[in-house]
Amino acid sequence: MRKIKNVSTYVILSIVSLISVFPLYWMISAATNNSTDILGGRLIFGTNLMNNLTNLLEQQNVGRAFGNSLMFSTILSVLSLVVCSIAGYGFEIYHDRAKDRLMGILLLAMMVPFAATLIPLFKMFTDLNLQSTWIAYVLPTISTPFLIMLFRQSARSFPKDIIEAARIDGLSEIRIFATIFVPTMKSTYAAAMTVTFMNAWNNYLWPKVIMMSEKSQTMPMLVTNLSVGYSIDYGVLMLGVLICSLPTGILFLVLQKSFANGIVGAVKG
């Protein structure tokens, strides 16, 4: 009876896994076919990959859009890790009731949709003449309640005795944070890096509004451009989607173990 139960469990898990992987497989296979084959429901790999790539490079400046996305996402991720880790560390290590109330307000801010703040943000950055700059891309999301909460939860598991001993030895608060806390929380930083980079890379609404120059186009904006018009080349479109998906997929595969450890450590904290 137990053997039958194990077999049925593996069968169900295999089916669910195949269903989960199928969209990824279909995206990759569609990138090698033309529009006729894709609309006809062809699910096997074709021979149209190079033709799709040539058409994509002729229609869009992929290199510039990819470089913009990589640069903006990297800057945003690094600055977010610095700002949010310092904030989360401060909320926990210098803990008091006032900071608990402030953290509650930050968590409530998560319920406000970004679209509700879109117009004020746009007016603010246009008044400062910062449109189509990396500053406008980064500043609205440089600090998020989720990341602050993640680092705060991780700081709860950090031994307070080490901090007291470091203070007695004469280390400044900045050195304690930089040389003791940061190296200890590598998995949390990896988890935060994964989440932040993926969100920044896939961000579409704000860059579409504030990045007015064609030279500041990002990959999500490029993919959207491929899906408009009277005649859509689905092979080129799926190749663009595949290229756009590669960096986040590679990053997650590289950091998946640290990502899991960082999330688990924050939950336990």
C-alpha atoms as a PDB file:
ATOM      1  CA  MET A   1       0.000   0.000   0.000  1.00  0.00           C
ATOM      2  CA  ARG A   2       2.821   2.371   0.901  1.00  0.00           C
ATOM      3  CA  LYS A   3       4.625   1.558  -2.355  1.00  0.00           C
ATOM      4  CA  ILE A   4       1.499   2.361  -4.360  1.00  0.00           C
ATOM      5  CA  LYS A   5       1.163   5.667  -2.482  1.00  0.00           C
ATOM      6  CA  ASN A   6       4.780   6.589  -3.242  1.00  0.00           C
ATOM      7  CA  VAL A   7       4.332   5.760  -6.919  1.00  0.00           C
ATOM      8  CA  SER A   8       1.179   7.873  -7.171  1.00  0.00           C
ATOM      9  CA  THR A   9       2.971  10.754  -5.436  1.00  0.00           C
ATOM     10  CA  TYR A  10       5.858  10.629  -7.904  1.00  0.00           C
ATOM     11  CA  VAL A  11       3.435  10.439 -10.840  1.00  0.00           C
ATOM     12  CA  ILE A  12       1.546  13.519  -9.641  1.00  0.00           C
ATOM     13  CA  LEU A  13       4.781  15.427  -8.995  1.00  0.00           C
ATOM     14  CA  SER A  14       6.093  14.479 -12.448  1.00  0.00           C
ATOM     15  CA  ILE A  15       2.911  15.714 -14.114  1.00  0.00           C
ATOM     16  CA  VAL A  16       2.996  18.990 -12.183  1.00  0.00           C
ATOM     17  CA  SER A  17       6.687  19.433 -13.044  1.00  0.00           C
ATOM     18  CA  LEU A  18       6.001  18.891 -16.750  1.00  0.00           C
ATOM     19  CA  ILE A  19       3.151  21.407 -16.657  1.00  0.00           C
ATOM     20  CA  SER A  20       5.441  23.931 -14.940  1.00  0.00           C
ATOM     21  CA  VAL A  21       8.314  23.421 -17.398  1.00  0.00           C
ATOM     22  CA  PHE A  22       6.152  23.352 -20.546  1.00  0.00           C
ATOM     23  CA  PRO A  23       5.840  27.172 -20.973  1.00  0.00           C
ATOM     24  CA  LEU A  24       9.640  27.469 -20.829  1.00  0.00           C
ATOM     25  CA  TYR A  25      10.058  24.678 -23.386  1.00  0.00           C
ATOM     26  CA  TRP A  26       7.411  26.219 -25.645  1.00  0.00           C
ATOM     27  CA  MET A  27       9.126  29.622 -25.477  1.00  0.00           C
ATOM     28  CA  ILE A  28      12.493  28.121 -26.483  1.00  0.00           C
ATOM     29  CA  SER A  29      11.047  25.976 -29.272  1.00  0.00           C
ATOM     30  CA  ALA A  30       8.910  28.850 -30.593  1.00  0.00           C
ATOM     31  CA  ALA A  31      12.030  30.998 -30.892  1.00  0.00           C
ATOM     32  CA  THR A  32      13.318  28.520 -33.512  1.00  0.00           C
ATOM     33  CA  ASN A  33      10.127  28.496 -35.608  1.00  0.00           C
ATOM     34  CA  ASN A  34       8.349  31.012 -37.832  1.00  0.00           C
ATOM     35  CA  SER A  35       4.939  32.562 -37.251  1.00  0.00           C
ATOM     36  CA  THR A  36       3.126  30.005 -39.395  1.00  0.00           C
ATOM     37  CA  ASP A  37       4.522  27.066 -37.429  1.00  0.00           C
ATOM     38  CA  ILE A  38       3.842  28.754 -34.088  1.00  0.00           C
ATOM     39  CA  LEU A  39       0.231  29.611 -34.958  1.00  0.00           C
ATOM     40  CA  GLY A  40      -0.147  26.074 -36.259  1.00  0.00           C
ATOM     41  CA  GLY A  41       0.741  24.703 -32.833  1.00  0.00           C
ATOM     42  CA  ARG A  42       4.139  23.210 -33.647  1.00  0.00           C
ATOM     43  CA  LEU A  43       5.872  22.114 -30.431  1.00  0.00           C
ATOM     44  CA  ILE A  44       9.176  20.796 -31.756  1.00  0.00           C
ATOM     45  CA  PHE A  45      12.320  22.766 -32.506  1.00  0.00           C
ATOM     46  CA  GLY A  46      12.601  24.323 -35.954  1.00  0.00           C
ATOM     47  CA  THR A  47      15.345  25.719 -38.181  1.00  0.00           C
ATOM     48  CA  ASN A  48      14.319  29.382 -38.204  1.00  0.00           C
ATOM     49  CA  LEU A  49      16.436  30.586 -35.256  1.00  0.00           C
ATOM     50  CA  MET A  50      19.068  32.486 -37.253  1.00  0.00           C
ATOM     51  CA  ASN A  51      16.420  34.083 -39.456  1.00  0.00           C
ATOM     52  CA  ASN A  52      14.510  35.225 -36.365  1.00  0.00           C
ATOM     53  CA  LEU A  53      17.718  36.591 -34.860  1.00  0.00           C
ATOM     54  CA  THR A  54      18.556  38.516 -38.047  1.00  0.00           C
ATOM     55  CA  ASN A  55      15.061  40.032 -38.184  1.00  0.00           C
ATOM     56  CA  LEU A  56      15.193  40.908 -34.489  1.00  0.00           C
ATOM     57  CA  LEU A  57      18.519  42.721 -34.842  1.00  0.00           C
ATOM     58  CA  GLU A  58      17.210  44.585 -37.899  1.00  0.00           C
ATOM     59  CA  GLN A  59      14.012  45.706 -36.168  1.00  0.00           C
ATOM     60  CA  GLN A  60      15.346  46.610 -32.714  1.00  0.00           C
ATOM     61  CA  ASN A  61      18.594  47.724 -31.109  1.00  0.00           C
ATOM     62  CA  VAL A  62      18.877  44.673 -28.840  1.00  0.00           C
ATOM     63  CA  GLY A  63      22.405  45.419 -27.658  1.00  0.00           C
ATOM     64  CA  ARG A  64      21.523  48.881 -26.390  1.00  0.00           C
ATOM     65  CA  ALA A  65      18.291  47.733 -24.700  1.00  0.00           C
ATOM     66  CA  PHE A  66      20.070  44.777 -23.081  1.00  0.00           C
ATOM     67  CA  GLY A  67      22.898  47.007 -21.884  1.00  0.00           C
ATOM     68  CA  ASN A  68      20.463  49.567 -20.468  1.00  0.00           C
ATOM     69  CA  SER A  69      18.522  46.902 -18.580  1.00  0.00           C
ATOM     70  CA  LEU A  70      21.711  45.361 -17.240  1.00  0.00           C
ATOM     71  CA  MET A  71      23.143  48.701 -16.129  1.00  0.00           C
ATOM     72  CA  PHE A  72      19.917  50.023 -14.551  1.00  0.00           C
ATOM     73  CA  SER A  73      19.128  46.734 -12.820  1.00  0.00           C
ATOM     74  CA  THR A  74      22.655  46.338 -11.446  1.00  0.00           C
ATOM     75  CA  ILE A  75      22.794  49.901 -10.106  1.00  0.00           C
ATOM     76  CA  LEU A  76      19.355  49.557  -8.534  1.00  0.00           C
ATOM     77  CA  SER A  77      20.181  46.160  -6.990  1.00  0.00           C
ATOM     78  CA  VAL A  78      23.475  47.293  -5.440  1.00  0.00           C
ATOM     79  CA  LEU A  79      22.044  50.523  -4.027  1.00  0.00           C
ATOM     80  CA  SER A  80      18.944  48.731  -2.723  1.00  0.00           C
ATOM     81  CA  LEU A  81      21.064  46.160  -0.895  1.00  0.00           C
ATOM     82  CA  VAL A  82      23.124  48.909   0.747  1.00  0.00           C
ATOM     83  CA  VAL A  83      20.171  51.079   1.771  1.00  0.00           C
ATOM     84  CA  CYS A  84      17.784  48.301   2.854  1.00  0.00           C
ATOM     85  CA  SER A  85      20.416  46.270   4.728  1.00  0.00           C
ATOM     86  CA  ILE A  86      21.460  49.341   6.740  1.00  0.00           C
ATOM     87  CA  ALA A  87      17.792  50.128   7.448  1.00  0.00           C
ATOM     88  CA  GLY A  88      16.948  46.556   8.460  1.00  0.00           C
ATOM     89  CA  TYR A  89      20.051  46.355  10.653  1.00  0.00           C
ATOM     90  CA  GLY A  90      19.188  49.640  12.333  1.00  0.00           C
ATOM     91  CA  PHE A  91      15.561  48.666  12.944  1.00  0.00           C
ATOM     92  CA  GLU A  92      16.634  45.546  14.860  1.00  0.00           C
ATOM     93  CA  ILE A  93      19.945  46.416  16.531  1.00  0.00           C
ATOM     94  CA  TYR A  94      18.720  49.813  17.755  1.00  0.00           C
ATOM     95  CA  HIS A  95      15.276  48.489  18.505  1.00  0.00           C
ATOM     96  CA  ASP A  96      12.562  50.493  20.306  1.00  0.00           C
ATOM     97  CA  ARG A  97       8.794  51.016  20.138  1.00  0.00           C
ATOM     98  CA  ALA A  98       9.030  54.023  17.834  1.00  0.00           C
ATOM     99  CA  LYS A  99      10.864  51.954  15.243  1.00  0.00           C
ATOM    100  CA  ASP A 100       8.196  49.237  15.530  1.00  0.00           C
ATOM    101  CA  ARG A 101       5.527  51.825  14.705  1.00  0.00           C
ATOM    102  CA  LEU A 102       7.595  53.127  11.790  1.00  0.00           C
ATOM    103  CA  MET A 103       8.064  49.587  10.488  1.00  0.00           C
ATOM    104  CA  GLY A 104       4.311  49.077  10.689  1.00  0.00           C
ATOM    105  CA  ILE A 105       3.798  52.197   8.571  1.00  0.00           C
ATOM    106  CA  LEU A 106       6.323  50.893   6.014  1.00  0.00           C
ATOM    107  CA  LEU A 107       4.516  47.567   5.803  1.00  0.00           C
ATOM    108  CA  LEU A 108       1.208  49.375   5.288  1.00  0.00           C
ATOM    109  CA  ALA A 109       2.859  51.222   2.401  1.00  0.00           C
ATOM    110  CA  MET A 110       3.206  47.860   0.629  1.00  0.00           C
ATOM    111  CA  MET A 111      -0.577  47.903   0.149  1.00  0.00           C
ATOM    112  CA  VAL A 112      -0.453  51.102  -1.925  1.00  0.00           C
ATOM    113  CA  PRO A 113      -0.256  50.186  -5.633  1.00  0.00           C
ATOM    114  CA  PHE A 114       2.566  51.776  -7.583  1.00  0.00           C
ATOM    115  CA  ALA A 115       0.079  53.147 -10.131  1.00  0.00           C
ATOM    116  CA  ALA A 116      -1.350  55.379  -7.384  1.00  0.00           C
ATOM    117  CA  THR A 117       1.995  57.162  -7.016  1.00  0.00           C
ATOM    118  CA  LEU A 118       2.889  57.170 -10.697  1.00  0.00           C
ATOM    119  CA  ILE A 119       1.647  60.667 -11.574  1.00  0.00           C
ATOM    120  CA  PRO A 120       3.222  62.449  -8.547  1.00  0.00           C
ATOM    121  CA  LEU A 121       6.523  60.679  -9.191  1.00  0.00           C
ATOM    122  CA  PHE A 122       6.453  61.579 -12.872  1.00  0.00           C
ATOM    123  CA  LYS A 123       5.754  65.250 -12.088  1.00  0.00           C
ATOM    124  CA  MET A 124       8.517  65.290  -9.471  1.00  0.00           C
ATOM    125  CA  PHE A 125      11.192  63.890 -11.793  1.00  0.00           C
ATOM    126  CA  THR A 126      10.159  65.989 -14.786  1.00  0.00           C
ATOM    127  CA  ASP A 127      10.294  69.141 -12.641  1.00  0.00           C
ATOM    128  CA  LEU A 128      13.842  68.126 -11.687  1.00  0.00           C
ATOM    129  CA  ASN A 129      14.635  67.429 -15.365  1.00  0.00           C
ATOM    130  CA  LEU A 130      15.714  63.859 -14.558  1.00  0.00           C
ATOM    131  CA  GLN A 131      13.633  61.982 -17.134  1.00  0.00           C
ATOM    132  CA  SER A 132      15.465  59.321 -19.175  1.00  0.00           C
ATOM    133  CA  THR A 133      18.243  59.031 -16.562  1.00  0.00           C
ATOM    134  CA  TRP A 134      19.344  56.161 -14.374  1.00  0.00           C
ATOM    135  CA  ILE A 135      18.555  58.301 -11.320  1.00  0.00           C
ATOM    136  CA  ALA A 136      14.880  58.442 -12.309  1.00  0.00           C
ATOM    137  CA  TYR A 137      14.899  54.690 -12.888  1.00  0.00           C
ATOM    138  CA  VAL A 138      16.472  53.867  -9.532  1.00  0.00           C
ATOM    139  CA  LEU A 139      15.178  56.313  -6.918  1.00  0.00           C
ATOM    140  CA  PRO A 140      11.474  55.315  -6.680  1.00  0.00           C
ATOM    141  CA  THR A 141      12.324  51.698  -5.804  1.00  0.00           C
ATOM    142  CA  ILE A 142      15.741  52.039  -4.170  1.00  0.00           C
ATOM    143  CA  SER A 143      14.182  51.149  -0.817  1.00  0.00           C
ATOM    144  CA  THR A 144      11.321  48.676  -0.404  1.00  0.00           C
ATOM    145  CA  PRO A 145       9.498  47.577   2.778  1.00  0.00           C
ATOM    146  CA  PHE A 146       9.955  43.935   1.800  1.00  0.00           C
ATOM    147  CA  LEU A 147      13.754  44.122   1.669  1.00  0.00           C
ATOM    148  CA  ILE A 148      13.932  46.134   4.891  1.00  0.00           C
ATOM    149  CA  MET A 149      11.766  43.513   6.594  1.00  0.00           C
ATOM    150  CA  LEU A 150      13.931  40.719   5.137  1.00  0.00           C
ATOM    151  CA  PHE A 151      17.140  42.196   6.560  1.00  0.00           C
ATOM    152  CA  ARG A 152      15.451  43.047   9.846  1.00  0.00           C
ATOM    153  CA  GLN A 153      14.309  39.464  10.281  1.00  0.00           C
ATOM    154  CA  SER A 154      17.793  38.187   9.461  1.00  0.00           C
ATOM    155  CA  ALA A 155      19.345  40.621  11.955  1.00  0.00           C
ATOM    156  CA  ARG A 156      17.217  39.065  14.703  1.00  0.00           C
ATOM    157  CA  SER A 157      19.278  35.875  14.475  1.00  0.00           C
ATOM    158  CA  PHE A 158      22.541  37.819  14.591  1.00  0.00           C
ATOM    159  CA  PRO A 159      24.294  37.323  17.983  1.00  0.00           C
ATOM    160  CA  LYS A 160      24.080  40.546  19.962  1.00  0.00           C
ATOM    161  CA  ASP A 161      27.052  39.459  22.114  1.00  0.00           C
ATOM    162  CA  ILE A 162      29.347  39.843  19.119  1.00  0.00           C
ATOM    163  CA  ILE A 163      28.231  43.438  18.657  1.00  0.00           C
ATOM    164  CA  GLU A 164      28.810  44.237  22.336  1.00  0.00           C
ATOM    165  CA  ALA A 165      32.259  42.629  22.229  1.00  0.00           C
ATOM    166  CA  ALA A 166      33.144  44.616  19.104  1.00  0.00           C
ATOM    167  CA  ARG A 167      32.037  47.844  20.773  1.00  0.00           C
ATOM    168  CA  ILE A 168      34.199  47.064  23.787  1.00  0.00           C
ATOM    169  CA  ASP A 169      37.159  46.487  21.434  1.00  0.00           C
ATOM    170  CA  GLY A 170      36.619  49.994  20.064  1.00  0.00           C
ATOM    171  CA  LEU A 171      35.062  49.229  16.665  1.00  0.00           C
ATOM    172  CA  SER A 172      32.787  51.915  15.271  1.00  0.00           C
ATOM    173  CA  GLU A 173      29.188  51.086  14.367  1.00  0.00           C
ATOM    174  CA  ILE A 174      30.035  51.341  10.668  1.00  0.00           C
ATOM    175  CA  ARG A 175      32.920  48.873  10.990  1.00  0.00           C
ATOM    176  CA  ILE A 176      30.765  46.474  12.991  1.00  0.00           C
ATOM    177  CA  PHE A 177      28.174  46.541  10.227  1.00  0.00           C
ATOM    178  CA  ALA A 178      30.647  46.302   7.342  1.00  0.00           C
ATOM    179  CA  THR A 179      33.140  43.778   8.730  1.00  0.00           C
ATOM    180  CA  ILE A 180      30.969  41.592  10.974  1.00  0.00           C
ATOM    181  CA  PHE A 181      27.314  41.766   9.979  1.00  0.00           C
ATOM    182  CA  VAL A 182      27.657  41.872   6.182  1.00  0.00           C
ATOM    183  CA  PRO A 183      29.943  38.805   5.802  1.00  0.00           C
ATOM    184  CA  THR A 184      27.697  36.814   8.148  1.00  0.00           C
ATOM    185  CA  MET A 185      24.550  37.546   6.118  1.00  0.00           C
ATOM    186  CA  LYS A 186      25.801  36.482   2.685  1.00  0.00           C
ATOM    187  CA  SER A 187      22.790  34.235   2.041  1.00  0.00           C
ATOM    188  CA  THR A 188      20.376  37.049   2.916  1.00  0.00           C
ATOM    189  CA  TYR A 189      22.189  39.380   0.537  1.00  0.00           C
ATOM    190  CA  ALA A 190      21.992  36.710  -2.178  1.00  0.00           C
ATOM    191  CA  ALA A 191      18.243  36.316  -1.659  1.00  0.00           C
ATOM    192  CA  ALA A 192      17.740  40.091  -1.686  1.00  0.00           C
ATOM    193  CA  MET A 193      19.922  40.425  -4.792  1.00  0.00           C
ATOM    194  CA  THR A 194      17.865  37.818  -6.632  1.00  0.00           C
ATOM    195  CA  VAL A 195      14.527  39.433  -5.784  1.00  0.00           C
ATOM    196  CA  THR A 196      15.697  42.987  -6.475  1.00  0.00           C
ATOM    197  CA  PHE A 197      17.445  42.239  -9.756  1.00  0.00           C
ATOM    198  CA  MET A 198      14.489  40.245 -11.096  1.00  0.00           C
ATOM    199  CA  ASN A 199      12.037  43.005 -10.169  1.00  0.00           C
ATOM    200  CA  ALA A 200      14.280  45.687 -11.650  1.00  0.00           C
ATOM    201  CA  TRP A 201      14.918  43.743 -14.852  1.00  0.00           C
ATOM    202  CA  ASN A 202      11.226  42.948 -15.415  1.00  0.00           C
ATOM    203  CA  ASN A 203      10.010  46.431 -14.467  1.00  0.00           C
ATOM    204  CA  TYR A 204       7.975  47.901 -17.316  1.00  0.00           C
ATOM    205  CA  LEU A 205       5.456  50.533 -16.157  1.00  0.00           C
ATOM    206  CA  TRP A 206       7.801  53.084 -14.574  1.00  0.00           C
ATOM    207  CA  PRO A 207      10.567  52.863 -17.239  1.00  0.00           C
ATOM    208  CA  LYS A 208       7.904  53.175 -19.949  1.00  0.00           C
ATOM    209  CA  VAL A 209       6.667  56.408 -18.370  1.00  0.00           C
ATOM    210  CA  ILE A 210       9.938  58.073 -17.353  1.00  0.00           C
ATOM    211  CA  MET A 211      12.357  56.793 -20.020  1.00  0.00           C
ATOM    212  CA  MET A 212      11.248  59.044 -22.871  1.00  0.00           C
ATOM    213  CA  SER A 213      14.374  58.759 -24.977  1.00  0.00           C
ATOM    214  CA  GLU A 214      14.739  55.867 -27.412  1.00  0.00           C
ATOM    215  CA  LYS A 215      18.347  55.519 -26.244  1.00  0.00           C
ATOM    216  CA  SER A 216      17.112  54.596 -22.732  1.00  0.00           C
ATOM    217  CA  GLN A 217      14.910  51.724 -23.919  1.00  0.00           C
ATOM    218  CA  THR A 218      14.999  48.562 -21.780  1.00  0.00           C
ATOM    219  CA  MET A 219      14.390  44.921 -22.701  1.00  0.00           C
ATOM    220  CA  PRO A 220      10.747  44.742 -21.476  1.00  0.00           C
ATOM    221  CA  MET A 221      10.020  47.853 -23.551  1.00  0.00           C
ATOM    222  CA  LEU A 222      11.717  46.250 -26.565  1.00  0.00           C
ATOM    223  CA  VAL A 223       9.621  43.084 -26.223  1.00  0.00           C
ATOM    224  CA  THR A 224       6.470  45.218 -26.062  1.00  0.00           C
ATOM    225  CA  ASN A 225       7.481  46.980 -29.272  1.00  0.00           C
ATOM    226  CA  LEU A 226       7.715  43.585 -30.977  1.00  0.00           C
ATOM    227  CA  SER A 227       4.118  42.750 -30.033  1.00  0.00           C
ATOM    228  CA  VAL A 228       2.474  45.833 -31.569  1.00  0.00           C
ATOM    229  CA  GLY A 229       1.496  46.445 -35.165  1.00  0.00           C
ATOM    230  CA  TYR A 230      -0.779  44.929 -37.755  1.00  0.00           C
ATOM    231  CA  SER A 231       1.459  41.938 -38.448  1.00  0.00           C
ATOM    232  CA  ILE A 232       3.329  40.329 -35.557  1.00  0.00           C
ATOM    233  CA  ASP A 233       6.257  38.011 -36.240  1.00  0.00           C
ATOM    234  CA  TYR A 234       5.790  35.553 -33.392  1.00  0.00           C
ATOM    235  CA  GLY A 235       9.119  33.851 -34.002  1.00  0.00           C
ATOM    236  CA  VAL A 236      10.962  37.157 -33.530  1.00  0.00           C
ATOM    237  CA  LEU A 237       8.735  38.000 -30.564  1.00  0.00           C
ATOM    238  CA  MET A 238       9.463  34.717 -28.781  1.00  0.00           C
ATOM    239  CA  LEU A 239      13.188  35.083 -29.436  1.00  0.00           C
ATOM    240  CA  GLY A 240      13.029  38.541 -27.859  1.00  0.00           C
ATOM    241  CA  VAL A 241      11.193  37.098 -24.856  1.00  0.00           C
ATOM    242  CA  LEU A 242      13.816  34.344 -24.585  1.00  0.00           C
ATOM    243  CA  ILE A 243      16.712  36.835 -24.623  1.00  0.00           C
ATOM    244  CA  CYS A 244      14.892  38.994 -22.077  1.00  0.00           C
ATOM    245  CA  SER A 245      14.395  35.982 -19.777  1.00  0.00           C
ATOM    246  CA  LEU A 246      17.982  34.718 -19.837  1.00  0.00           C
ATOM    247  CA  PRO A 247      19.678  37.036 -17.262  1.00  0.00           C
ATOM    248  CA  THR A 248      17.097  36.491 -14.522  1.00  0.00           C
ATOM    249  CA  GLY A 249      17.052  32.744 -15.165  1.00  0.00           C
ATOM    250  CA  ILE A 250      20.847  32.507 -15.004  1.00  0.00           C
ATOM    251  CA  LEU A 251      20.979  34.633 -11.853  1.00  0.00           C
ATOM    252  CA  PHE A 252      18.415  32.454 -10.095  1.00  0.00           C
ATOM    253  CA  LEU A 253      20.207  29.239 -11.076  1.00  0.00           C
ATOM    254  CA  VAL A 254      23.522  30.606  -9.772  1.00  0.00           C
ATOM    255  CA  LEU A 255      22.073  31.915  -6.493  1.00  0.00           C
ATOM    256  CA  GLN A 256      19.236  29.449  -5.895  1.00  0.00           C
ATOM    257  CA  LYS A 257      20.903  27.696  -2.945  1.00  0.00           C
ATOM    258  CA  SER A 258      21.836  30.966  -1.260  1.00  0.00           C
ATOM    259  CA  PHE A 259      18.381  32.322  -2.084  1.00  0.00           C
ATOM    260  CA  ALA A 260      16.687  29.439  -0.296  1.00  0.00           C
ATOM    261  CA  ASN A 261      19.031  29.710   2.704  1.00  0.00           C
ATOM    262  CA  GLY A 262      18.466  33.464   2.932  1.00  0.00           C
ATOM    263  CA  ILE A 263      14.673  33.174   2.876  1.00  0.00           C
ATOM    264  CA  VAL A 264      14.684  30.331   5.399  1.00  0.00           C
ATOM    265  CA  GLY A 265      17.075  32.251   7.675  1.00  0.00           C
ATOM    266  CA  ALA A 266      14.849  35.317   7.570  1.00  0.00           C
ATOM    267  CA  VAL A 267      11.758  33.265   8.410  1.00  0.00           C
ATOM    268  CA  LYS A 268      13.512  31.572  11.333  1.00  0.00           C
ATOM    269  CA  GLY A 269      14.799  34.914  12.567  1.00  0.00           C
END
